[in-house]
Amino acid sequence: MPDLTHNIMRDGSRCFLSLQPNADWYAVRDHVERLRGAELTNFVTDGVTEAWIDFRYEGHYFSINDAPGDYWFFVKDPTCDDPILRAVADHFARLLEPG
């Protein structure tokens, strides 16, 4: 189980998770809908170097960006409860963490 982080970004969102990119953007995008109650709201990629995946879960808005060497996970509301963040983290760790 990955550790949650608490990094507040300039836009006020919280970066709460970083995972290794052991799957491509499309697999991560498709994995959103396997999280019960999650809804994909946007997917943007240049097809070469970067993608943003946006979704809503438990009334909160999330984004995933493939930063150089990692997938970074953000929640728009930095006060989002840790159990919700933990559910998102555990869900994506099953796809992205080796093992």
PDB file of N, CA and C in Angstrom:
ATOM      1  N   MET A   1       0.837  -1.182   0.000  1.00  0.00           N
ATOM      2  CA  MET A   1       0.000   0.000   0.000  1.00  0.00           C
ATOM      3  C   MET A   1       0.878   1.240   0.000  1.00  0.00           C
ATOM      4  N   PRO A   2       0.685   2.106  -0.970  1.00  0.00           N
ATOM      5  CA  PRO A   2       1.532   3.298  -1.053  1.00  0.00           C
ATOM      6  C   PRO A   2       1.198   4.318   0.032  1.00  0.00           C
ATOM      7  N   ASP A   3       2.201   5.082   0.416  1.00  0.00           N
ATOM      8  CA  ASP A   3       2.001   6.155   1.395  1.00  0.00           C
ATOM      9  C   ASP A   3       1.346   7.356   0.733  1.00  0.00           C
ATOM     10  N   LEU A   4       0.455   8.016   1.460  1.00  0.00           N
ATOM     11  CA  LEU A   4      -0.138   9.263   0.984  1.00  0.00           C
ATOM     12  C   LEU A   4       0.801  10.412   1.317  1.00  0.00           C
ATOM     13  N   THR A   5       0.866  11.375   0.405  1.00  0.00           N
ATOM     14  CA  THR A   5       1.655  12.583   0.640  1.00  0.00           C
ATOM     15  C   THR A   5       0.708  13.762   0.793  1.00  0.00           C
ATOM     16  N   HIS A   6       1.240  14.873   1.229  1.00  0.00           N
ATOM     17  CA  HIS A   6       0.417  16.070   1.435  1.00  0.00           C
ATOM     18  C   HIS A   6       1.154  17.280   0.863  1.00  0.00           C
ATOM     19  N   ASN A   7       1.239  17.332  -0.450  1.00  0.00           N
ATOM     20  CA  ASN A   7       1.917  18.436  -1.130  1.00  0.00           C
ATOM     21  C   ASN A   7       0.867  19.340  -1.765  1.00  0.00           C
ATOM     22  N   ILE A   8       0.761  20.563  -1.251  1.00  0.00           N
ATOM     23  CA  ILE A   8      -0.206  21.523  -1.788  1.00  0.00           C
ATOM     24  C   ILE A   8       0.438  22.252  -2.964  1.00  0.00           C
ATOM     25  N   MET A   9      -0.258  22.253  -4.091  1.00  0.00           N
ATOM     26  CA  MET A   9       0.241  22.860  -5.316  1.00  0.00           C
ATOM     27  C   MET A   9      -0.178  24.333  -5.383  1.00  0.00           C
ATOM     28  N   ARG A  10       0.388  25.053  -6.329  1.00  0.00           N
ATOM     29  CA  ARG A  10       0.058  26.481  -6.498  1.00  0.00           C
ATOM     30  C   ARG A  10      -1.429  26.739  -6.704  1.00  0.00           C
ATOM     31  N   ASP A  11      -2.101  25.808  -7.394  1.00  0.00           N
ATOM     32  CA  ASP A  11      -3.534  26.007  -7.649  1.00  0.00           C
ATOM     33  C   ASP A  11      -4.408  25.597  -6.464  1.00  0.00           C
ATOM     34  N   GLY A  12      -3.782  25.166  -5.359  1.00  0.00           N
ATOM     35  CA  GLY A  12      -4.513  24.788  -4.159  1.00  0.00           C
ATOM     36  C   GLY A  12      -4.842  23.314  -4.077  1.00  0.00           C
ATOM     37  N   SER A  13      -4.626  22.569  -5.162  1.00  0.00           N
ATOM     38  CA  SER A  13      -4.890  21.129  -5.123  1.00  0.00           C
ATOM     39  C   SER A  13      -3.807  20.423  -4.309  1.00  0.00           C
ATOM     40  N   ARG A  14      -4.075  19.183  -3.965  1.00  0.00           N
ATOM     41  CA  ARG A  14      -3.131  18.390  -3.187  1.00  0.00           C
ATOM     42  C   ARG A  14      -2.603  17.242  -4.047  1.00  0.00           C
ATOM     43  N   CYS A  15      -1.302  17.152  -4.161  1.00  0.00           N
ATOM     44  CA  CYS A  15      -0.669  15.978  -4.760  1.00  0.00           C
ATOM     45  C   CYS A  15      -0.529  14.968  -3.621  1.00  0.00           C
ATOM     46  N   PHE A  16      -1.256  13.852  -3.729  1.00  0.00           N
ATOM     47  CA  PHE A  16      -1.309  12.921  -2.608  1.00  0.00           C
ATOM     48  C   PHE A  16      -0.664  11.567  -2.892  1.00  0.00           C
ATOM     49  N   LEU A  17      -0.172  11.376  -4.116  1.00  0.00           N
ATOM     50  CA  LEU A  17       0.345  10.066  -4.463  1.00  0.00           C
ATOM     51  C   LEU A  17       1.237  10.146  -5.690  1.00  0.00           C
ATOM     52  N   SER A  18       2.272   9.340  -5.690  1.00  0.00           N
ATOM     53  CA  SER A  18       3.149   9.183  -6.848  1.00  0.00           C
ATOM     54  C   SER A  18       3.399   7.690  -7.033  1.00  0.00           C
ATOM     55  N   LEU A  19       3.154   7.193  -8.254  1.00  0.00           N
ATOM     56  CA  LEU A  19       3.359   5.785  -8.552  1.00  0.00           C
ATOM     57  C   LEU A  19       4.174   5.632  -9.828  1.00  0.00           C
ATOM     58  N   GLN A  20       4.921   4.563  -9.921  1.00  0.00           N
ATOM     59  CA  GLN A  20       5.725   4.283 -11.108  1.00  0.00           C
ATOM     60  C   GLN A  20       4.816   3.993 -12.306  1.00  0.00           C
ATOM     61  N   PRO A  21       5.258   4.395 -13.482  1.00  0.00           N
ATOM     62  CA  PRO A  21       4.428   4.198 -14.684  1.00  0.00           C
ATOM     63  C   PRO A  21       4.579   2.794 -15.272  1.00  0.00           C
ATOM     64  N   ASN A  22       4.000   1.809 -14.620  1.00  0.00           N
ATOM     65  CA  ASN A  22       4.073   0.427 -15.091  1.00  0.00           C
ATOM     66  C   ASN A  22       2.909   0.049 -15.998  1.00  0.00           C
ATOM     67  N   ALA A  23       2.191   1.048 -16.495  1.00  0.00           N
ATOM     68  CA  ALA A  23       1.109   0.846 -17.465  1.00  0.00           C
ATOM     69  C   ALA A  23       0.995   2.121 -18.287  1.00  0.00           C
ATOM     70  N   ASP A  24       0.481   1.999 -19.500  1.00  0.00           N
ATOM     71  CA  ASP A  24       0.366   3.190 -20.343  1.00  0.00           C
ATOM     72  C   ASP A  24      -0.862   4.017 -19.968  1.00  0.00           C
ATOM     73  N   TRP A  25      -0.951   5.196 -20.576  1.00  0.00           N
ATOM     74  CA  TRP A  25      -2.029   6.150 -20.267  1.00  0.00           C
ATOM     75  C   TRP A  25      -3.397   5.530 -20.452  1.00  0.00           C
ATOM     76  N   TYR A  26      -3.540   4.740 -21.504  1.00  0.00           N
ATOM     77  CA  TYR A  26      -4.849   4.185 -21.823  1.00  0.00           C
ATOM     78  C   TYR A  26      -5.277   3.150 -20.785  1.00  0.00           C
ATOM     79  N   ALA A  27      -4.335   2.370 -20.285  1.00  0.00           N
ATOM     80  CA  ALA A  27      -4.651   1.401 -19.240  1.00  0.00           C
ATOM     81  C   ALA A  27      -5.043   2.116 -17.946  1.00  0.00           C
ATOM     82  N   VAL A  28      -4.339   3.211 -17.626  1.00  0.00           N
ATOM     83  CA  VAL A  28      -4.670   3.986 -16.424  1.00  0.00           C
ATOM     84  C   VAL A  28      -6.047   4.627 -16.596  1.00  0.00           C
ATOM     85  N   ARG A  29      -6.295   5.202 -17.756  1.00  0.00           N
ATOM     86  CA  ARG A  29      -7.612   5.800 -18.033  1.00  0.00           C
ATOM     87  C   ARG A  29      -8.715   4.761 -17.874  1.00  0.00           C
ATOM     88  N   ASP A  30      -8.536   3.591 -18.459  1.00  0.00           N
ATOM     89  CA  ASP A  30      -9.563   2.551 -18.394  1.00  0.00           C
ATOM     90  C   ASP A  30      -9.746   2.018 -16.975  1.00  0.00           C
ATOM     91  N   HIS A  31      -8.688   2.100 -16.173  1.00  0.00           N
ATOM     92  CA  HIS A  31      -8.747   1.619 -14.790  1.00  0.00           C
ATOM     93  C   HIS A  31      -9.619   2.518 -13.911  1.00  0.00           C
ATOM     94  N   VAL A  32      -9.789   3.783 -14.311  1.00  0.00           N
ATOM     95  CA  VAL A  32     -10.658   4.707 -13.556  1.00  0.00           C
ATOM     96  C   VAL A  32     -12.039   4.091 -13.393  1.00  0.00           C
ATOM     97  N   GLU A  33     -12.597   3.590 -14.466  1.00  0.00           N
ATOM     98  CA  GLU A  33     -13.977   3.100 -14.429  1.00  0.00           C
ATOM     99  C   GLU A  33     -14.121   1.784 -13.676  1.00  0.00           C
ATOM    100  N   ARG A  34     -13.015   1.169 -13.306  1.00  0.00           N
ATOM    101  CA  ARG A  34     -13.071  -0.047 -12.484  1.00  0.00           C
ATOM    102  C   ARG A  34     -13.153   0.293 -10.990  1.00  0.00           C
ATOM    103  N   LEU A  35     -13.003   1.568 -10.669  1.00  0.00           N
ATOM    104  CA  LEU A  35     -13.170   2.036  -9.292  1.00  0.00           C
ATOM    105  C   LEU A  35     -14.658   2.339  -9.110  1.00  0.00           C
ATOM    106  N   ARG A  36     -15.328   1.505  -8.359  1.00  0.00           N
ATOM    107  CA  ARG A  36     -16.784   1.618  -8.215  1.00  0.00           C
ATOM    108  C   ARG A  36     -17.185   3.028  -7.796  1.00  0.00           C
ATOM    109  N   GLY A  37     -18.036   3.659  -8.609  1.00  0.00           N
ATOM    110  CA  GLY A  37     -18.520   4.999  -8.326  1.00  0.00           C
ATOM    111  C   GLY A  37     -17.711   6.098  -8.986  1.00  0.00           C
ATOM    112  N   ALA A  38     -16.584   5.759  -9.607  1.00  0.00           N
ATOM    113  CA  ALA A  38     -15.763   6.775 -10.274  1.00  0.00           C
ATOM    114  C   ALA A  38     -16.295   7.045 -11.675  1.00  0.00           C
ATOM    115  N   GLU A  39     -16.133   8.294 -12.119  1.00  0.00           N
ATOM    116  CA  GLU A  39     -16.581   8.696 -13.446  1.00  0.00           C
ATOM    117  C   GLU A  39     -15.461   9.461 -14.139  1.00  0.00           C
ATOM    118  N   LEU A  40     -15.008   8.962 -15.275  1.00  0.00           N
ATOM    119  CA  LEU A  40     -14.014   9.656 -16.083  1.00  0.00           C
ATOM    120  C   LEU A  40     -14.637  10.940 -16.611  1.00  0.00           C
ATOM    121  N   THR A  41     -13.977  12.081 -16.400  1.00  0.00           N
ATOM    122  CA  THR A  41     -14.532  13.354 -16.867  1.00  0.00           C
ATOM    123  C   THR A  41     -13.726  13.973 -17.997  1.00  0.00           C
ATOM    124  N   ASN A  42     -12.443  13.598 -18.139  1.00  0.00           N
ATOM    125  CA  ASN A  42     -11.633  14.148 -19.226  1.00  0.00           C
ATOM    126  C   ASN A  42     -10.371  13.316 -19.390  1.00  0.00           C
ATOM    127  N   PHE A  43      -9.901  13.245 -20.620  1.00  0.00           N
ATOM    128  CA  PHE A  43      -8.642  12.570 -20.942  1.00  0.00           C
ATOM    129  C   PHE A  43      -7.999  13.351 -22.078  1.00  0.00           C
ATOM    130  N   VAL A  44      -6.814  13.881 -21.803  1.00  0.00           N
ATOM    131  CA  VAL A  44      -6.097  14.672 -22.805  1.00  0.00           C
ATOM    132  C   VAL A  44      -4.677  14.135 -22.897  1.00  0.00           C
ATOM    133  N   THR A  45      -4.236  13.887 -24.115  1.00  0.00           N
ATOM    134  CA  THR A  45      -2.860  13.463 -24.321  1.00  0.00           C
ATOM    135  C   THR A  45      -2.346  14.019 -25.636  1.00  0.00           C
ATOM    136  N   ASP A  46      -1.040  14.246 -25.688  1.00  0.00           N
ATOM    137  CA  ASP A  46      -0.427  14.628 -26.955  1.00  0.00           C
ATOM    138  C   ASP A  46      -0.007  13.394 -27.735  1.00  0.00           C
ATOM    139  N   GLY A  47      -0.216  12.223 -27.153  1.00  0.00           N
ATOM    140  CA  GLY A  47       0.102  10.971 -27.812  1.00  0.00           C
ATOM    141  C   GLY A  47       1.570  10.608 -27.797  1.00  0.00           C
ATOM    142  N   VAL A  48       2.394  11.472 -27.191  1.00  0.00           N
ATOM    143  CA  VAL A  48       3.837  11.223 -27.204  1.00  0.00           C
ATOM    144  C   VAL A  48       4.452  11.332 -25.813  1.00  0.00           C
ATOM    145  N   THR A  49       4.249  12.474 -25.157  1.00  0.00           N
ATOM    146  CA  THR A  49       5.001  12.725 -23.929  1.00  0.00           C
ATOM    147  C   THR A  49       4.169  12.912 -22.668  1.00  0.00           C
ATOM    148  N   GLU A  50       2.886  13.196 -22.793  1.00  0.00           N
ATOM    149  CA  GLU A  50       2.143  13.573 -21.592  1.00  0.00           C
ATOM    150  C   GLU A  50       0.661  13.267 -21.729  1.00  0.00           C
ATOM    151  N   ALA A  51       0.045  12.994 -20.585  1.00  0.00           N
ATOM    152  CA  ALA A  51      -1.410  12.812 -20.532  1.00  0.00           C
ATOM    153  C   ALA A  51      -1.937  13.347 -19.208  1.00  0.00           C
ATOM    154  N   TRP A  52      -3.170  13.834 -19.243  1.00  0.00           N
ATOM    155  CA  TRP A  52      -3.935  14.201 -18.051  1.00  0.00           C
ATOM    156  C   TRP A  52      -5.198  13.363 -18.069  1.00  0.00           C
ATOM    157  N   ILE A  53      -5.484  12.742 -16.942  1.00  0.00           N
ATOM    158  CA  ILE A  53      -6.686  11.935 -16.775  1.00  0.00           C
ATOM    159  C   ILE A  53      -7.457  12.544 -15.607  1.00  0.00           C
ATOM    160  N   ASP A  54      -8.687  12.969 -15.861  1.00  0.00           N
ATOM    161  CA  ASP A  54      -9.517  13.597 -14.828  1.00  0.00           C
ATOM    162  C   ASP A  54     -10.718  12.710 -14.543  1.00  0.00           C
ATOM    163  N   PHE A  55     -11.067  12.610 -13.249  1.00  0.00           N
ATOM    164  CA  PHE A  55     -12.237  11.830 -12.877  1.00  0.00           C
ATOM    165  C   PHE A  55     -12.836  12.365 -11.584  1.00  0.00           C
ATOM    166  N   ARG A  56     -14.079  11.962 -11.356  1.00  0.00           N
ATOM    167  CA  ARG A  56     -14.801  12.325 -10.136  1.00  0.00           C
ATOM    168  C   ARG A  56     -15.052  11.049  -9.347  1.00  0.00           C
ATOM    169  N   TYR A  57     -14.878  11.155  -8.029  1.00  0.00           N
ATOM    170  CA  TYR A  57     -15.105  10.009  -7.153  1.00  0.00           C
ATOM    171  C   TYR A  57     -15.524  10.514  -5.787  1.00  0.00           C
ATOM    172  N   GLU A  58     -16.596   9.979  -5.269  1.00  0.00           N
ATOM    173  CA  GLU A  58     -17.106  10.351  -3.940  1.00  0.00           C
ATOM    174  C   GLU A  58     -17.271  11.868  -3.791  1.00  0.00           C
ATOM    175  N   GLY A  59     -17.706  12.520  -4.872  1.00  0.00           N
ATOM    176  CA  GLY A  59     -17.948  13.962  -4.837  1.00  0.00           C
ATOM    177  C   GLY A  59     -16.708  14.831  -4.952  1.00  0.00           C
ATOM    178  N   HIS A  60     -15.562  14.239  -5.210  1.00  0.00           N
ATOM    179  CA  HIS A  60     -14.299  14.975  -5.338  1.00  0.00           C
ATOM    180  C   HIS A  60     -13.741  14.818  -6.741  1.00  0.00           C
ATOM    181  N   TYR A  61     -12.972  15.820  -7.152  1.00  0.00           N
ATOM    182  CA  TYR A  61     -12.375  15.827  -8.482  1.00  0.00           C
ATOM    183  C   TYR A  61     -10.890  15.502  -8.387  1.00  0.00           C
ATOM    184  N   PHE A  62     -10.474  14.547  -9.209  1.00  0.00           N
ATOM    185  CA  PHE A  62      -9.112  14.039  -9.209  1.00  0.00           C
ATOM    186  C   PHE A  62      -8.488  14.197 -10.586  1.00  0.00           C
ATOM    187  N   SER A  63      -7.164  14.315 -10.608  1.00  0.00           N
ATOM    188  CA  SER A  63      -6.406  14.328 -11.850  1.00  0.00           C
ATOM    189  C   SER A  63      -5.182  13.448 -11.694  1.00  0.00           C
ATOM    190  N   ILE A  64      -4.803  12.819 -12.790  1.00  0.00           N
ATOM    191  CA  ILE A  64      -3.572  12.035 -12.848  1.00  0.00           C
ATOM    192  C   ILE A  64      -2.746  12.605 -13.997  1.00  0.00           C
ATOM    193  N   ASN A  65      -1.479  12.865 -13.730  1.00  0.00           N
ATOM    194  CA  ASN A  65      -0.562  13.362 -14.754  1.00  0.00           C
ATOM    195  C   ASN A  65       0.672  12.489 -14.756  1.00  0.00           C
ATOM    196  N   ASP A  66       1.159  12.180 -15.936  1.00  0.00           N
ATOM    197  CA  ASP A  66       2.385  11.387 -16.008  1.00  0.00           C
ATOM    198  C   ASP A  66       3.586  12.331 -16.066  1.00  0.00           C
ATOM    199  N   ALA A  67       4.025  12.694 -14.879  1.00  0.00           N
ATOM    200  CA  ALA A  67       5.238  13.506 -14.748  1.00  0.00           C
ATOM    201  C   ALA A  67       6.425  12.643 -15.160  1.00  0.00           C
ATOM    202  N   PRO A  68       7.547  13.269 -15.460  1.00  0.00           N
ATOM    203  CA  PRO A  68       8.707  12.470 -15.876  1.00  0.00           C
ATOM    204  C   PRO A  68       9.048  11.382 -14.858  1.00  0.00           C
ATOM    205  N   GLY A  69       8.809  10.131 -15.241  1.00  0.00           N
ATOM    206  CA  GLY A  69       9.169   9.007 -14.397  1.00  0.00           C
ATOM    207  C   GLY A  69       8.111   8.542 -13.422  1.00  0.00           C
ATOM    208  N   ASP A  70       6.987   9.221 -13.292  1.00  0.00           N
ATOM    209  CA  ASP A  70       5.955   8.852 -12.328  1.00  0.00           C
ATOM    210  C   ASP A  70       4.578   9.262 -12.831  1.00  0.00           C
ATOM    211  N   TYR A  71       3.552   8.640 -12.255  1.00  0.00           N
ATOM    212  CA  TYR A  71       2.194   9.167 -12.342  1.00  0.00           C
ATOM    213  C   TYR A  71       1.951   9.921 -11.052  1.00  0.00           C
ATOM    214  N   TRP A  72       1.543  11.180 -11.156  1.00  0.00           N
ATOM    215  CA  TRP A  72       1.208  12.001  -9.992  1.00  0.00           C
ATOM    216  C   TRP A  72      -0.309  12.101  -9.897  1.00  0.00           C
ATOM    217  N   PHE A  73      -0.825  11.954  -8.682  1.00  0.00           N
ATOM    218  CA  PHE A  73      -2.261  11.974  -8.412  1.00  0.00           C
ATOM    219  C   PHE A  73      -2.602  13.212  -7.594  1.00  0.00           C
ATOM    220  N   PHE A  74      -3.605  13.942  -8.048  1.00  0.00           N
ATOM    221  CA  PHE A  74      -4.031  15.190  -7.415  1.00  0.00           C
ATOM    222  C   PHE A  74      -5.509  15.115  -7.064  1.00  0.00           C
ATOM    223  N   VAL A  75      -5.873  15.791  -5.980  1.00  0.00           N
ATOM    224  CA  VAL A  75      -7.276  15.996  -5.641  1.00  0.00           C
ATOM    225  C   VAL A  75      -7.484  17.505  -5.553  1.00  0.00           C
ATOM    226  N   LYS A  76      -8.553  17.979  -6.170  1.00  0.00           N
ATOM    227  CA  LYS A  76      -8.805  19.427  -6.224  1.00  0.00           C
ATOM    228  C   LYS A  76      -8.983  20.025  -4.835  1.00  0.00           C
ATOM    229  N   ASP A  77      -9.717  19.322  -3.977  1.00  0.00           N
ATOM    230  CA  ASP A  77      -9.978  19.795  -2.611  1.00  0.00           C
ATOM    231  C   ASP A  77      -8.916  19.218  -1.672  1.00  0.00           C
ATOM    232  N   PRO A  78      -7.996  20.045  -1.190  1.00  0.00           N
ATOM    233  CA  PRO A  78      -6.912  19.523  -0.351  1.00  0.00           C
ATOM    234  C   PRO A  78      -7.385  18.987   1.001  1.00  0.00           C
ATOM    235  N   THR A  79      -8.652  19.248   1.375  1.00  0.00           N
ATOM    236  CA  THR A  79      -9.181  18.731   2.641  1.00  0.00           C
ATOM    237  C   THR A  79      -9.927  17.412   2.468  1.00  0.00           C
ATOM    238  N   CYS A  80      -9.856  16.835   1.274  1.00  0.00           N
ATOM    239  CA  CYS A  80     -10.501  15.544   1.018  1.00  0.00           C
ATOM    240  C   CYS A  80     -10.049  14.535   2.080  1.00  0.00           C
ATOM    241  N   ASP A  81     -10.988  13.774   2.602  1.00  0.00           N
ATOM    242  CA  ASP A  81     -10.692  12.809   3.666  1.00  0.00           C
ATOM    243  C   ASP A  81      -9.737  11.718   3.203  1.00  0.00           C
ATOM    244  N   ASP A  82      -8.819  11.353   4.084  1.00  0.00           N
ATOM    245  CA  ASP A  82      -7.826  10.325   3.770  1.00  0.00           C
ATOM    246  C   ASP A  82      -8.442   8.978   3.355  1.00  0.00           C
ATOM    247  N   PRO A  83      -9.563   8.538   3.926  1.00  0.00           N
ATOM    248  CA  PRO A  83     -10.125   7.261   3.460  1.00  0.00           C
ATOM    249  C   PRO A  83     -10.492   7.278   1.969  1.00  0.00           C
ATOM    250  N   ILE A  84     -10.929   8.409   1.466  1.00  0.00           N
ATOM    251  CA  ILE A  84     -11.233   8.526   0.033  1.00  0.00           C
ATOM    252  C   ILE A  84      -9.938   8.477  -0.767  1.00  0.00           C
ATOM    253  N   LEU A  85      -8.935   9.226  -0.309  1.00  0.00           N
ATOM    254  CA  LEU A  85      -7.640   9.203  -0.991  1.00  0.00           C
ATOM    255  C   LEU A  85      -7.031   7.806  -0.949  1.00  0.00           C
ATOM    256  N   ARG A  86      -7.181   7.136   0.174  1.00  0.00           N
ATOM    257  CA  ARG A  86      -6.641   5.775   0.325  1.00  0.00           C
ATOM    258  C   ARG A  86      -7.306   4.828  -0.661  1.00  0.00           C
ATOM    259  N   ALA A  87      -8.617   4.963  -0.859  1.00  0.00           N
ATOM    260  CA  ALA A  87      -9.332   4.103  -1.811  1.00  0.00           C
ATOM    261  C   ALA A  87      -8.797   4.307  -3.223  1.00  0.00           C
ATOM    262  N   VAL A  88      -8.571   5.559  -3.605  1.00  0.00           N
ATOM    263  CA  VAL A  88      -8.008   5.859  -4.927  1.00  0.00           C
ATOM    264  C   VAL A  88      -6.584   5.311  -5.031  1.00  0.00           C
ATOM    265  N   ALA A  89      -5.767   5.568  -4.018  1.00  0.00           N
ATOM    266  CA  ALA A  89      -4.375   5.109  -4.024  1.00  0.00           C
ATOM    267  C   ALA A  89      -4.296   3.589  -4.136  1.00  0.00           C
ATOM    268  N   ASP A  90      -5.069   2.882  -3.338  1.00  0.00           N
ATOM    269  CA  ASP A  90      -5.031   1.424  -3.365  1.00  0.00           C
ATOM    270  C   ASP A  90      -5.511   0.869  -4.707  1.00  0.00           C
ATOM    271  N   HIS A  91      -6.525   1.499  -5.272  1.00  0.00           N
ATOM    272  CA  HIS A  91      -7.063   1.056  -6.554  1.00  0.00           C
ATOM    273  C   HIS A  91      -5.997   1.152  -7.646  1.00  0.00           C
ATOM    274  N   PHE A  92      -5.330   2.277  -7.742  1.00  0.00           N
ATOM    275  CA  PHE A  92      -4.342   2.451  -8.802  1.00  0.00           C
ATOM    276  C   PHE A  92      -3.030   1.726  -8.510  1.00  0.00           C
ATOM    277  N   ALA A  93      -2.724   1.529  -7.249  1.00  0.00           N
ATOM    278  CA  ALA A  93      -1.506   0.765  -6.898  1.00  0.00           C
ATOM    279  C   ALA A  93      -1.629  -0.668  -7.405  1.00  0.00           C
ATOM    280  N   ARG A  94      -2.828  -1.219  -7.403  1.00  0.00           N
ATOM    281  CA  ARG A  94      -3.007  -2.584  -7.902  1.00  0.00           C
ATOM    282  C   ARG A  94      -2.629  -2.686  -9.380  1.00  0.00           C
ATOM    283  N   LEU A  95      -2.828  -1.619 -10.140  1.00  0.00           N
ATOM    284  CA  LEU A  95      -2.458  -1.597 -11.553  1.00  0.00           C
ATOM    285  C   LEU A  95      -0.992  -1.260 -11.753  1.00  0.00           C
ATOM    286  N   LEU A  96      -0.486  -0.300 -10.984  1.00  0.00           N
ATOM    287  CA  LEU A  96       0.818   0.292 -11.285  1.00  0.00           C
ATOM    288  C   LEU A  96       1.993  -0.234 -10.477  1.00  0.00           C
ATOM    289  N   GLU A  97       1.752  -0.767  -9.300  1.00  0.00           N
ATOM    290  CA  GLU A  97       2.882  -1.249  -8.510  1.00  0.00           C
ATOM    291  C   GLU A  97       3.278  -2.650  -8.960  1.00  0.00           C
ATOM    292  N   PRO A  98       4.563  -2.866  -9.123  1.00  0.00           N
ATOM    293  CA  PRO A  98       5.011  -4.202  -9.532  1.00  0.00           C
ATOM    294  C   PRO A  98       4.715  -5.233  -8.443  1.00  0.00           C
ATOM    295  N   GLY A  99       4.543  -6.442  -8.874  1.00  0.00           N
ATOM    296  CA  GLY A  99       4.329  -7.491  -7.883  1.00  0.00           C
ATOM    297  C   GLY A  99       3.262  -8.350  -8.230  1.00  0.00           C
TER     298      GLY A  99
END
